Amino acid sequence: MTYSTIFIISGLGVNTIASLIMLYPYLNINRYVDDDLILKMNMKTGKYYQKKHLKNRRLGIAGFSLFALGFVFQILGILLQI
């Protein structure tokens, strides 16, 4: 196996993991009516924020970052073939 093939396969693997991370919030079977109203208070500032939306935001950022990393690996693999 050449380096280019390794980069392309690892890029595809990272993209697959990223797609599963992005899909995770929608696979939650135990949904409740008041899920959007779960609040948490920041003890330092005294402000409330919605806990569920922060978790979805973090998962979205992680998934997008892994997608970008996977595409970079694939581009490096293609450039090494040339």
Protein backbone atom coordinates (compact mmCIF):
# COMPACT_ATOMS: atom_id res chain seq x y z
CA MET A 1 0.00 0.00 0.00
CA THR A 2 1.33 3.42 -0.90
CA TYR A 3 1.16 6.55 1.22
CA SER A 4 -1.47 8.05 -1.05
CA THR A 5 -3.78 5.08 -0.59
CA ILE A 6 -3.32 5.21 3.18
CA PHE A 7 -4.22 8.92 3.23
CA ILE A 8 -7.31 8.39 1.07
CA ILE A 9 -8.57 5.43 3.14
CA SER A 10 -7.92 7.22 6.45
CA GLY A 11 -9.70 10.31 5.11
CA LEU A 12 -12.73 8.23 4.20
CA GLY A 13 -12.65 6.61 7.64
CA VAL A 14 -12.54 9.99 9.39
CA ASN A 15 -15.43 11.22 7.22
CA THR A 16 -17.47 8.15 8.17
CA ILE A 17 -16.87 8.79 11.87
CA ALA A 18 -17.80 12.45 11.39
CA SER A 19 -21.07 11.54 9.71
CA LEU A 20 -21.96 9.24 12.62
CA ILE A 21 -21.19 12.03 15.10
CA MET A 22 -23.40 14.43 13.15
CA LEU A 23 -26.20 11.84 13.04
CA TYR A 24 -26.11 10.98 16.77
CA PRO A 25 -28.50 13.72 18.07
CA TYR A 26 -31.20 12.53 15.68
CA LEU A 27 -30.97 8.88 16.79
CA ASN A 28 -32.03 9.61 20.37
CA ILE A 29 -35.05 7.36 20.99
CA ASN A 30 -35.93 8.73 24.43
CA ARG A 31 -37.25 12.12 23.39
CA TYR A 32 -39.46 14.04 25.75
CA VAL A 33 -41.74 16.98 25.13
CA ASP A 34 -39.78 19.29 27.43
CA ASP A 35 -36.30 18.45 26.10
CA ASP A 36 -35.82 21.99 24.84
CA LEU A 37 -36.61 23.40 28.26
CA ILE A 38 -33.75 21.72 30.13
CA LEU A 39 -31.99 24.67 31.70
CA LYS A 40 -28.74 24.92 33.55
CA MET A 41 -27.54 27.88 35.56
CA ASN A 42 -24.03 29.26 35.33
CA MET A 43 -23.03 29.87 38.96
CA LYS A 44 -20.49 32.57 38.07
CA THR A 45 -22.74 34.79 35.96
CA GLY A 46 -26.17 33.68 37.16
CA LYS A 47 -27.41 33.20 33.60
CA TYR A 48 -29.46 30.24 32.41
CA TYR A 49 -28.78 28.36 29.19
CA GLN A 50 -30.36 25.42 27.43
CA LYS A 51 -28.27 22.32 28.05
CA LYS A 52 -29.50 20.26 25.10
CA HIS A 53 -28.66 22.89 22.51
CA LEU A 54 -25.10 23.24 23.81
CA LYS A 55 -24.56 19.47 23.47
CA ASN A 56 -25.86 19.52 19.89
CA ARG A 57 -23.62 22.50 19.12
CA ARG A 58 -20.52 20.71 20.42
CA LEU A 59 -21.36 17.58 18.43
CA GLY A 60 -21.87 19.69 15.33
CA ILE A 61 -18.51 21.42 15.73
CA ALA A 62 -16.75 18.09 16.33
CA GLY A 63 -18.41 16.50 13.30
CA PHE A 64 -17.60 19.43 11.02
CA SER A 65 -13.97 19.46 12.19
CA LEU A 66 -13.63 15.74 11.45
CA PHE A 67 -15.19 16.22 8.01
CA ALA A 68 -12.62 18.91 7.24
CA LEU A 69 -9.77 16.71 8.50
CA GLY A 70 -10.99 13.79 6.39
CA PHE A 71 -11.12 15.92 3.25
CA VAL A 72 -7.60 17.20 3.93
CA PHE A 73 -6.38 13.60 4.20
CA GLN A 74 -8.05 12.73 0.90
CA ILE A 75 -6.55 15.77 -0.84
CA LEU A 76 -3.09 14.85 0.47
CA GLY A 77 -3.59 11.30 -0.83
CA ILE A 78 -4.54 12.55 -4.28
CA LEU A 79 -1.63 14.99 -4.37
CA LEU A 80 0.79 12.20 -3.45
CA GLN A 81 -0.48 10.14 -6.39
CA ILE A 82 0.43 12.84 -8.88
